[in-house]
Amino acid sequence: MKIAFIADSNVGKLARWLRMMGYDALYFDHIEDGELVQIAMRESRVVLTRDTHIMKRRPVSTGQLKVILARSDRTREQLVQVINDLDLDCRTAEFTRCMECNAGLISRQPQDVQGKVPPYVYLTQTQYMQCPSCDRIYWRGTHWQRMKMELEKIDGCRHLNDQAAPKREA
């Protein structure tokens, strides 16, 4: 079973990047800590936050609930932390979830999106995905390519960091 996440308002961009990687990542702009913890417990989700108060909650302190407390306020560093902490492989960005609302995307034929995407996109792209919830349409254009390259760089950093870590002598 693939890891699922729930992110609070202080790590919203992180949730979007995890969605890009194909992970189910709920995001709430405004949610009480107690409700966030309840949803995470009920749905077996890893909590992503920068809120140290969540760490004091009983399900967290007893080990019932996995929480990643982001050490940085920079999205890239948060993503590297999550990738390293959970040993995620981001080399294959699945791009199966809507970046906006987290719903699973549905494959669409070019004729299904004609008039719904810019004319140049329609002429140059052959694969489309659409969100059944918010109707947003996605294609693998330059924005997707840049995000995929950024993920590949981040994954490369993990391996470089592992090799660069100083070894302790026994």
N, C-alpha and C. Protein backbone atom coordinates (compact mmCIF):
# COMPACT_ATOMS: atom_id res chain seq x y z
N MET A 1 0.84 -1.18 0.00
CA MET A 1 0.00 0.00 0.00
C MET A 1 0.88 1.25 0.00
N LYS A 2 0.55 2.19 -0.84
CA LYS A 2 1.31 3.42 -0.96
C LYS A 2 1.03 4.35 0.22
N ILE A 3 2.04 5.06 0.65
CA ILE A 3 1.90 6.00 1.76
C ILE A 3 0.95 7.13 1.37
N ALA A 4 0.08 7.51 2.31
CA ALA A 4 -0.82 8.65 2.12
C ALA A 4 -0.46 9.71 3.16
N PHE A 5 -0.65 10.97 2.80
CA PHE A 5 -0.26 12.08 3.66
C PHE A 5 -1.44 12.99 3.97
N ILE A 6 -1.26 13.77 5.03
CA ILE A 6 -2.15 14.88 5.32
C ILE A 6 -1.26 16.04 5.75
N ALA A 7 -1.45 17.18 5.12
CA ALA A 7 -0.58 18.33 5.38
C ALA A 7 -1.39 19.49 5.92
N ASP A 8 -0.82 20.20 6.87
CA ASP A 8 -1.53 21.38 7.36
C ASP A 8 -1.05 22.62 6.61
N SER A 9 -1.58 23.75 6.97
CA SER A 9 -1.40 24.98 6.18
C SER A 9 0.05 25.43 6.04
N ASN A 10 0.93 25.02 6.94
CA ASN A 10 2.30 25.51 6.86
C ASN A 10 3.20 24.68 5.94
N VAL A 11 2.64 23.67 5.29
CA VAL A 11 3.41 22.87 4.32
C VAL A 11 2.58 22.55 3.07
N GLY A 12 1.76 23.49 2.65
CA GLY A 12 0.88 23.28 1.50
C GLY A 12 1.60 23.00 0.19
N LYS A 13 2.69 23.70 -0.06
CA LYS A 13 3.44 23.47 -1.30
C LYS A 13 4.05 22.07 -1.32
N LEU A 14 4.43 21.59 -0.16
CA LEU A 14 4.96 20.24 -0.05
C LEU A 14 3.92 19.22 -0.50
N ALA A 15 2.67 19.42 -0.10
CA ALA A 15 1.59 18.52 -0.51
C ALA A 15 1.46 18.48 -2.03
N ARG A 16 1.58 19.63 -2.68
CA ARG A 16 1.48 19.68 -4.14
C ARG A 16 2.60 18.87 -4.80
N TRP A 17 3.81 18.96 -4.27
CA TRP A 17 4.92 18.20 -4.85
C TRP A 17 4.72 16.70 -4.64
N LEU A 18 4.18 16.31 -3.49
CA LEU A 18 3.92 14.89 -3.26
C LEU A 18 2.83 14.38 -4.21
N ARG A 19 1.84 15.22 -4.49
CA ARG A 19 0.82 14.86 -5.47
C ARG A 19 1.45 14.66 -6.84
N MET A 20 2.40 15.51 -7.19
CA MET A 20 3.10 15.38 -8.46
C MET A 20 3.79 14.01 -8.55
N MET A 21 4.26 13.53 -7.42
CA MET A 21 4.93 12.24 -7.36
C MET A 21 3.94 11.07 -7.36
N GLY A 22 2.65 11.39 -7.31
CA GLY A 22 1.63 10.34 -7.33
C GLY A 22 1.10 9.95 -5.96
N TYR A 23 1.48 10.68 -4.93
CA TYR A 23 1.03 10.35 -3.58
C TYR A 23 -0.27 11.07 -3.24
N ASP A 24 -1.13 10.38 -2.52
CA ASP A 24 -2.36 10.95 -1.99
C ASP A 24 -1.95 11.88 -0.85
N ALA A 25 -2.14 13.18 -1.05
CA ALA A 25 -1.71 14.17 -0.06
C ALA A 25 -2.82 15.18 0.19
N LEU A 26 -3.60 14.93 1.24
CA LEU A 26 -4.64 15.89 1.61
C LEU A 26 -3.99 17.16 2.13
N TYR A 27 -4.64 18.28 1.87
CA TYR A 27 -4.13 19.56 2.34
C TYR A 27 -5.29 20.39 2.83
N PHE A 28 -5.13 20.98 4.00
CA PHE A 28 -6.14 21.84 4.57
C PHE A 28 -5.53 23.18 4.89
N ASP A 29 -6.11 24.22 4.33
CA ASP A 29 -5.63 25.57 4.57
C ASP A 29 -5.86 25.97 6.03
N HIS A 30 -7.03 25.63 6.54
CA HIS A 30 -7.35 25.91 7.94
C HIS A 30 -7.96 24.66 8.55
N ILE A 31 -7.28 24.09 9.53
CA ILE A 31 -7.80 22.91 10.21
C ILE A 31 -7.24 22.90 11.63
N GLU A 32 -8.07 22.54 12.58
CA GLU A 32 -7.63 22.42 13.97
C GLU A 32 -6.73 21.19 14.09
N ASP A 33 -5.75 21.28 14.97
CA ASP A 33 -4.82 20.16 15.16
C ASP A 33 -5.55 18.87 15.49
N GLY A 34 -6.56 18.95 16.35
CA GLY A 34 -7.29 17.75 16.75
C GLY A 34 -7.98 17.08 15.58
N GLU A 35 -8.58 17.86 14.69
CA GLU A 35 -9.25 17.31 13.53
C GLU A 35 -8.24 16.71 12.56
N LEU A 36 -7.11 17.37 12.38
CA LEU A 36 -6.04 16.86 11.52
C LEU A 36 -5.57 15.50 12.02
N VAL A 37 -5.36 15.38 13.32
CA VAL A 37 -4.91 14.12 13.92
C VAL A 37 -5.98 13.05 13.75
N GLN A 38 -7.25 13.40 13.95
CA GLN A 38 -8.34 12.42 13.80
C GLN A 38 -8.39 11.87 12.38
N ILE A 39 -8.30 12.74 11.39
CA ILE A 39 -8.32 12.29 9.99
C ILE A 39 -7.12 11.40 9.71
N ALA A 40 -5.96 11.81 10.18
CA ALA A 40 -4.74 11.02 9.96
C ALA A 40 -4.87 9.64 10.58
N MET A 41 -5.41 9.57 11.79
CA MET A 41 -5.58 8.27 12.47
C MET A 41 -6.60 7.40 11.72
N ARG A 42 -7.73 7.98 11.37
CA ARG A 42 -8.81 7.25 10.72
C ARG A 42 -8.39 6.71 9.36
N GLU A 43 -7.59 7.50 8.61
CA GLU A 43 -7.22 7.13 7.25
C GLU A 43 -5.78 6.64 7.12
N SER A 44 -5.11 6.41 8.23
CA SER A 44 -3.71 5.92 8.23
C SER A 44 -2.80 6.79 7.37
N ARG A 45 -2.80 8.08 7.65
CA ARG A 45 -1.99 9.04 6.90
C ARG A 45 -0.82 9.52 7.73
N VAL A 46 0.26 9.86 7.06
CA VAL A 46 1.41 10.49 7.69
C VAL A 46 1.13 11.99 7.73
N VAL A 47 1.29 12.59 8.90
CA VAL A 47 1.06 14.02 9.06
C VAL A 47 2.32 14.78 8.67
N LEU A 48 2.15 15.82 7.87
CA LEU A 48 3.24 16.71 7.49
C LEU A 48 2.93 18.08 8.08
N THR A 49 3.87 18.61 8.85
CA THR A 49 3.61 19.88 9.53
C THR A 49 4.90 20.56 9.93
N ARG A 50 4.79 21.82 10.32
CA ARG A 50 5.87 22.55 10.98
C ARG A 50 5.42 22.95 12.38
N ASP A 51 4.23 22.52 12.76
CA ASP A 51 3.62 22.86 14.04
C ASP A 51 4.12 21.91 15.14
N THR A 52 4.94 22.43 16.04
CA THR A 52 5.52 21.59 17.09
C THR A 52 4.48 21.13 18.11
N HIS A 53 3.34 21.81 18.19
CA HIS A 53 2.30 21.41 19.15
C HIS A 53 1.70 20.05 18.79
N ILE A 54 1.67 19.72 17.51
CA ILE A 54 1.13 18.41 17.10
C ILE A 54 1.98 17.28 17.68
N MET A 55 3.26 17.53 17.85
CA MET A 55 4.16 16.51 18.38
C MET A 55 3.80 16.12 19.82
N LYS A 56 3.07 16.97 20.52
CA LYS A 56 2.69 16.72 21.91
C LYS A 56 1.39 15.92 22.03
N ARG A 57 0.72 15.70 20.94
CA ARG A 57 -0.54 14.93 20.95
C ARG A 57 -0.26 13.47 21.30
N ARG A 58 -1.16 12.88 22.05
CA ARG A 58 -0.97 11.51 22.53
C ARG A 58 -0.71 10.50 21.40
N PRO A 59 -1.48 10.50 20.31
CA PRO A 59 -1.21 9.49 19.26
C PRO A 59 0.20 9.62 18.67
N VAL A 60 0.75 10.82 18.72
CA VAL A 60 2.11 11.02 18.20
C VAL A 60 3.12 10.54 19.23
N SER A 61 2.95 10.98 20.47
CA SER A 61 3.93 10.63 21.51
C SER A 61 3.94 9.13 21.83
N THR A 62 2.83 8.43 21.58
CA THR A 62 2.78 6.98 21.83
C THR A 62 3.17 6.16 20.60
N GLY A 63 3.45 6.84 19.49
CA GLY A 63 3.87 6.14 18.28
C GLY A 63 2.73 5.60 17.44
N GLN A 64 1.50 5.94 17.76
CA GLN A 64 0.36 5.47 16.98
C GLN A 64 0.25 6.21 15.65
N LEU A 65 0.79 7.40 15.61
CA LEU A 65 0.66 8.25 14.44
C LEU A 65 2.03 8.75 14.01
N LYS A 66 2.32 8.58 12.73
CA LYS A 66 3.59 9.05 12.16
C LYS A 66 3.43 10.51 11.76
N VAL A 67 4.35 11.34 12.24
CA VAL A 67 4.37 12.76 11.91
C VAL A 67 5.77 13.12 11.44
N ILE A 68 5.83 13.87 10.35
CA ILE A 68 7.11 14.42 9.93
C ILE A 68 7.05 15.92 10.21
N LEU A 69 7.87 16.33 11.14
CA LEU A 69 7.96 17.74 11.50
C LEU A 69 9.03 18.37 10.62
N ALA A 70 8.58 19.16 9.66
CA ALA A 70 9.51 19.77 8.71
C ALA A 70 10.45 20.72 9.43
N ARG A 71 11.73 20.55 9.20
CA ARG A 71 12.73 21.38 9.86
C ARG A 71 12.94 22.71 9.15
N SER A 72 12.59 22.78 7.89
CA SER A 72 12.84 23.97 7.10
C SER A 72 11.52 24.60 6.66
N ASP A 73 11.57 25.88 6.38
CA ASP A 73 10.39 26.53 5.80
C ASP A 73 10.48 26.57 4.28
N ARG A 74 11.53 26.00 3.71
CA ARG A 74 11.70 25.94 2.26
C ARG A 74 11.15 24.62 1.73
N THR A 75 10.30 24.73 0.72
CA THR A 75 9.61 23.56 0.19
C THR A 75 10.58 22.49 -0.30
N ARG A 76 11.61 22.88 -1.01
CA ARG A 76 12.56 21.89 -1.54
C ARG A 76 13.22 21.10 -0.41
N GLU A 77 13.61 21.79 0.64
CA GLU A 77 14.25 21.11 1.77
C GLU A 77 13.25 20.22 2.51
N GLN A 78 11.99 20.65 2.58
CA GLN A 78 10.95 19.82 3.19
C GLN A 78 10.77 18.53 2.39
N LEU A 79 10.75 18.68 1.06
CA LEU A 79 10.58 17.51 0.21
C LEU A 79 11.75 16.55 0.35
N VAL A 80 12.96 17.07 0.39
CA VAL A 80 14.14 16.22 0.60
C VAL A 80 14.02 15.49 1.94
N GLN A 81 13.57 16.18 2.98
CA GLN A 81 13.41 15.56 4.29
C GLN A 81 12.40 14.40 4.24
N VAL A 82 11.25 14.62 3.60
CA VAL A 82 10.24 13.57 3.50
C VAL A 82 10.76 12.39 2.69
N ILE A 83 11.41 12.68 1.57
CA ILE A 83 11.97 11.62 0.73
C ILE A 83 12.98 10.79 1.53
N ASN A 84 13.85 11.45 2.27
CA ASN A 84 14.86 10.74 3.05
C ASN A 84 14.25 10.00 4.24
N ASP A 85 13.35 10.66 4.97
CA ASP A 85 12.75 10.04 6.16
C ASP A 85 11.95 8.79 5.82
N LEU A 86 11.29 8.79 4.67
CA LEU A 86 10.43 7.67 4.30
C LEU A 86 11.01 6.82 3.18
N ASP A 87 12.22 7.15 2.75
CA ASP A 87 12.91 6.43 1.68
C ASP A 87 12.05 6.33 0.42
N LEU A 88 11.50 7.47 0.00
CA LEU A 88 10.66 7.53 -1.19
C LEU A 88 11.54 7.60 -2.44
N ASP A 89 11.05 7.03 -3.52
CA ASP A 89 11.73 7.11 -4.80
C ASP A 89 10.96 8.09 -5.68
N CYS A 90 11.58 9.20 -6.00
CA CYS A 90 10.87 10.20 -6.79
C CYS A 90 11.36 10.27 -8.23
N ARG A 91 12.13 9.28 -8.65
CA ARG A 91 12.64 9.31 -10.02
C ARG A 91 11.53 9.09 -11.04
N THR A 92 10.47 8.43 -10.63
CA THR A 92 9.35 8.20 -11.55
C THR A 92 8.13 8.95 -11.04
N ALA A 93 8.01 10.19 -11.44
CA ALA A 93 6.86 11.00 -11.06
C ALA A 93 5.65 10.45 -11.81
N GLU A 94 4.72 9.86 -11.08
CA GLU A 94 3.58 9.21 -11.69
C GLU A 94 2.57 10.20 -12.26
N PHE A 95 2.43 11.35 -11.65
CA PHE A 95 1.49 12.37 -12.07
C PHE A 95 0.11 11.77 -12.31
N THR A 96 -0.44 11.20 -11.26
CA THR A 96 -1.76 10.56 -11.33
C THR A 96 -2.78 11.27 -10.46
N ARG A 97 -2.37 12.35 -9.78
CA ARG A 97 -3.28 13.07 -8.89
C ARG A 97 -3.35 14.54 -9.29
N CYS A 98 -4.51 15.13 -9.08
CA CYS A 98 -4.68 16.55 -9.36
C CYS A 98 -3.85 17.36 -8.38
N MET A 99 -3.08 18.28 -8.89
CA MET A 99 -2.23 19.11 -8.05
C MET A 99 -3.05 20.05 -7.18
N GLU A 100 -4.26 20.38 -7.61
CA GLU A 100 -5.11 21.32 -6.89
C GLU A 100 -5.97 20.65 -5.82
N CYS A 101 -6.66 19.57 -6.18
CA CYS A 101 -7.64 19.01 -5.25
C CYS A 101 -7.34 17.58 -4.80
N ASN A 102 -6.28 16.95 -5.32
CA ASN A 102 -5.81 15.64 -4.89
C ASN A 102 -6.60 14.46 -5.47
N ALA A 103 -7.61 14.69 -6.28
CA ALA A 103 -8.38 13.59 -6.86
C ALA A 103 -7.52 12.83 -7.87
N GLY A 104 -7.83 11.56 -8.07
CA GLY A 104 -7.14 10.77 -9.08
C GLY A 104 -7.50 11.24 -10.48
N LEU A 105 -6.51 11.34 -11.36
CA LEU A 105 -6.73 11.85 -12.71
C LEU A 105 -7.22 10.73 -13.64
N ILE A 106 -7.96 11.14 -14.67
CA ILE A 106 -8.50 10.22 -15.67
C ILE A 106 -7.88 10.56 -17.01
N SER A 107 -7.45 9.53 -17.74
CA SER A 107 -6.87 9.74 -19.06
C SER A 107 -7.95 10.24 -20.03
N ARG A 108 -7.56 11.19 -20.87
CA ARG A 108 -8.48 11.76 -21.86
C ARG A 108 -7.84 11.72 -23.24
N GLN A 109 -8.66 11.54 -24.26
CA GLN A 109 -8.23 11.56 -25.64
C GLN A 109 -8.16 13.01 -26.12
N PRO A 110 -7.33 13.31 -27.12
CA PRO A 110 -7.24 14.68 -27.62
C PRO A 110 -8.61 15.28 -27.99
N GLN A 111 -9.45 14.50 -28.62
CA GLN A 111 -10.76 15.04 -29.01
C GLN A 111 -11.62 15.42 -27.81
N ASP A 112 -11.36 14.80 -26.64
CA ASP A 112 -12.12 15.12 -25.43
C ASP A 112 -11.78 16.50 -24.88
N VAL A 113 -10.58 17.00 -25.19
CA VAL A 113 -10.14 18.27 -24.61
C VAL A 113 -10.08 19.41 -25.63
N GLN A 114 -10.45 19.12 -26.86
CA GLN A 114 -10.41 20.16 -27.90
C GLN A 114 -11.30 21.34 -27.47
N GLY A 115 -10.73 22.53 -27.57
CA GLY A 115 -11.44 23.73 -27.15
C GLY A 115 -11.32 24.02 -25.66
N LYS A 116 -10.76 23.08 -24.90
CA LYS A 116 -10.59 23.25 -23.46
C LYS A 116 -9.14 23.52 -23.08
N VAL A 117 -8.23 23.35 -24.05
CA VAL A 117 -6.81 23.63 -23.84
C VAL A 117 -6.39 24.65 -24.89
N PRO A 118 -5.29 25.36 -24.67
CA PRO A 118 -4.83 26.31 -25.68
C PRO A 118 -4.58 25.61 -27.03
N PRO A 119 -4.82 26.31 -28.13
CA PRO A 119 -4.65 25.70 -29.47
C PRO A 119 -3.26 25.08 -29.69
N TYR A 120 -2.21 25.77 -29.26
CA TYR A 120 -0.86 25.23 -29.45
C TYR A 120 -0.70 23.92 -28.69
N VAL A 121 -1.22 23.86 -27.48
CA VAL A 121 -1.15 22.62 -26.68
C VAL A 121 -1.87 21.50 -27.41
N TYR A 122 -3.04 21.79 -27.92
CA TYR A 122 -3.82 20.78 -28.64
C TYR A 122 -3.06 20.24 -29.86
N LEU A 123 -2.32 21.13 -30.53
CA LEU A 123 -1.57 20.71 -31.71
C LEU A 123 -0.30 19.94 -31.38
N THR A 124 0.26 20.16 -30.20
CA THR A 124 1.57 19.58 -29.89
C THR A 124 1.53 18.43 -28.87
N GLN A 125 0.42 18.22 -28.20
CA GLN A 125 0.34 17.18 -27.18
C GLN A 125 -0.64 16.08 -27.60
N THR A 126 -0.36 14.87 -27.16
CA THR A 126 -1.26 13.75 -27.50
C THR A 126 -1.83 13.07 -26.27
N GLN A 127 -1.23 13.31 -25.10
CA GLN A 127 -1.71 12.66 -23.87
C GLN A 127 -2.24 13.72 -22.91
N TYR A 128 -3.43 13.47 -22.40
CA TYR A 128 -4.05 14.40 -21.47
C TYR A 128 -4.62 13.64 -20.29
N MET A 129 -4.67 14.31 -19.15
CA MET A 129 -5.30 13.78 -17.95
C MET A 129 -6.25 14.86 -17.44
N GLN A 130 -7.40 14.42 -16.90
CA GLN A 130 -8.35 15.40 -16.38
C GLN A 130 -8.80 14.99 -14.99
N CYS A 131 -9.00 15.99 -14.16
CA CYS A 131 -9.49 15.77 -12.81
C CYS A 131 -11.02 15.64 -12.86
N PRO A 132 -11.56 14.54 -12.36
CA PRO A 132 -13.01 14.38 -12.37
C PRO A 132 -13.71 15.27 -11.35
N SER A 133 -12.95 15.81 -10.43
CA SER A 133 -13.52 16.65 -9.38
C SER A 133 -13.58 18.13 -9.77
N CYS A 134 -12.44 18.68 -10.19
CA CYS A 134 -12.40 20.11 -10.50
C CYS A 134 -12.28 20.40 -12.00
N ASP A 135 -12.24 19.35 -12.84
CA ASP A 135 -12.19 19.44 -14.30
C ASP A 135 -10.91 20.03 -14.87
N ARG A 136 -9.91 20.26 -14.04
CA ARG A 136 -8.63 20.77 -14.53
C ARG A 136 -8.02 19.75 -15.48
N ILE A 137 -7.40 20.23 -16.56
CA ILE A 137 -6.80 19.35 -17.56
C ILE A 137 -5.28 19.51 -17.49
N TYR A 138 -4.59 18.37 -17.54
CA TYR A 138 -3.12 18.35 -17.46
C TYR A 138 -2.57 17.69 -18.71
N TRP A 139 -1.36 18.08 -19.06
CA TRP A 139 -0.61 17.46 -20.15
C TRP A 139 0.87 17.57 -19.79
N ARG A 140 1.68 16.80 -20.46
CA ARG A 140 3.12 16.74 -20.14
C ARG A 140 3.89 17.77 -20.96
N GLY A 141 3.65 19.02 -20.66
CA GLY A 141 4.33 20.12 -21.34
C GLY A 141 5.58 20.54 -20.59
N THR A 142 6.02 21.76 -20.84
CA THR A 142 7.27 22.24 -20.26
C THR A 142 7.20 22.37 -18.74
N HIS A 143 6.04 22.74 -18.20
CA HIS A 143 5.90 22.85 -16.74
C HIS A 143 6.10 21.50 -16.08
N TRP A 144 5.48 20.46 -16.64
CA TRP A 144 5.63 19.11 -16.13
C TRP A 144 7.08 18.66 -16.24
N GLN A 145 7.72 18.96 -17.38
CA GLN A 145 9.11 18.57 -17.59
C GLN A 145 10.04 19.23 -16.56
N ARG A 146 9.79 20.52 -16.27
CA ARG A 146 10.62 21.21 -15.26
C ARG A 146 10.43 20.60 -13.87
N MET A 147 9.20 20.28 -13.53
CA MET A 147 8.94 19.68 -12.23
C MET A 147 9.59 18.29 -12.13
N LYS A 148 9.51 17.53 -13.18
CA LYS A 148 10.12 16.19 -13.20
C LYS A 148 11.64 16.30 -13.07
N MET A 149 12.25 17.26 -13.76
CA MET A 149 13.71 17.45 -13.64
C MET A 149 14.07 17.86 -12.21
N GLU A 150 13.27 18.70 -11.60
CA GLU A 150 13.54 19.11 -10.22
C GLU A 150 13.45 17.91 -9.28
N LEU A 151 12.48 17.05 -9.49
CA LEU A 151 12.38 15.83 -8.67
C LEU A 151 13.58 14.93 -8.88
N GLU A 152 14.04 14.81 -10.11
CA GLU A 152 15.21 13.97 -10.38
C GLU A 152 16.45 14.54 -9.69
N LYS A 153 16.58 15.86 -9.64
CA LYS A 153 17.70 16.48 -8.93
C LYS A 153 17.62 16.20 -7.45
N ILE A 154 16.42 16.28 -6.91
CA ILE A 154 16.23 16.03 -5.47
C ILE A 154 16.58 14.60 -5.15
N ASP A 155 16.14 13.64 -5.96
CA ASP A 155 16.45 12.24 -5.71
C ASP A 155 17.95 12.04 -5.77
N GLY A 156 18.62 12.71 -6.71
CA GLY A 156 20.06 12.61 -6.80
C GLY A 156 20.74 13.15 -5.56
N CYS A 157 20.17 14.20 -4.97
CA CYS A 157 20.73 14.78 -3.75
C CYS A 157 20.73 13.76 -2.62
N ARG A 158 19.68 12.93 -2.55
CA ARG A 158 19.59 11.95 -1.47
C ARG A 158 20.80 11.03 -1.52
N HIS A 159 21.11 10.53 -2.71
CA HIS A 159 22.22 9.60 -2.83
C HIS A 159 23.56 10.30 -2.58
N LEU A 160 23.70 11.54 -3.03
CA LEU A 160 24.91 12.30 -2.76
C LEU A 160 25.07 12.55 -1.27
N ASN A 161 23.94 12.90 -0.61
CA ASN A 161 23.99 13.16 0.84
C ASN A 161 24.38 11.91 1.59
N ASP A 162 23.87 10.73 1.15
CA ASP A 162 24.22 9.48 1.82
C ASP A 162 25.73 9.21 1.71
N GLN A 163 26.29 9.47 0.52
CA GLN A 163 27.70 9.21 0.31
C GLN A 163 28.58 10.24 1.00
N ALA A 164 28.08 11.47 1.11
CA ALA A 164 28.88 12.55 1.67
C ALA A 164 28.84 12.58 3.20
N ALA A 165 27.95 11.80 3.80
CA ALA A 165 27.85 11.82 5.26
C ALA A 165 29.14 11.32 5.86
N PRO A 166 29.65 12.02 6.87
CA PRO A 166 30.90 11.58 7.48
C PRO A 166 30.72 10.24 8.19
N LYS A 167 31.69 9.38 8.04
CA LYS A 167 31.64 8.06 8.67
C LYS A 167 32.27 8.16 10.05
N ARG A 168 31.62 7.53 11.01
CA ARG A 168 32.18 7.50 12.37
C ARG A 168 33.04 6.25 12.50
N GLU A 169 34.17 6.43 13.08
CA GLU A 169 35.06 5.29 13.29
C GLU A 169 34.72 4.61 14.60
N ALA A 170 34.81 3.30 14.58
CA ALA A 170 34.47 2.52 15.78
C ALA A 170 35.59 2.54 16.78
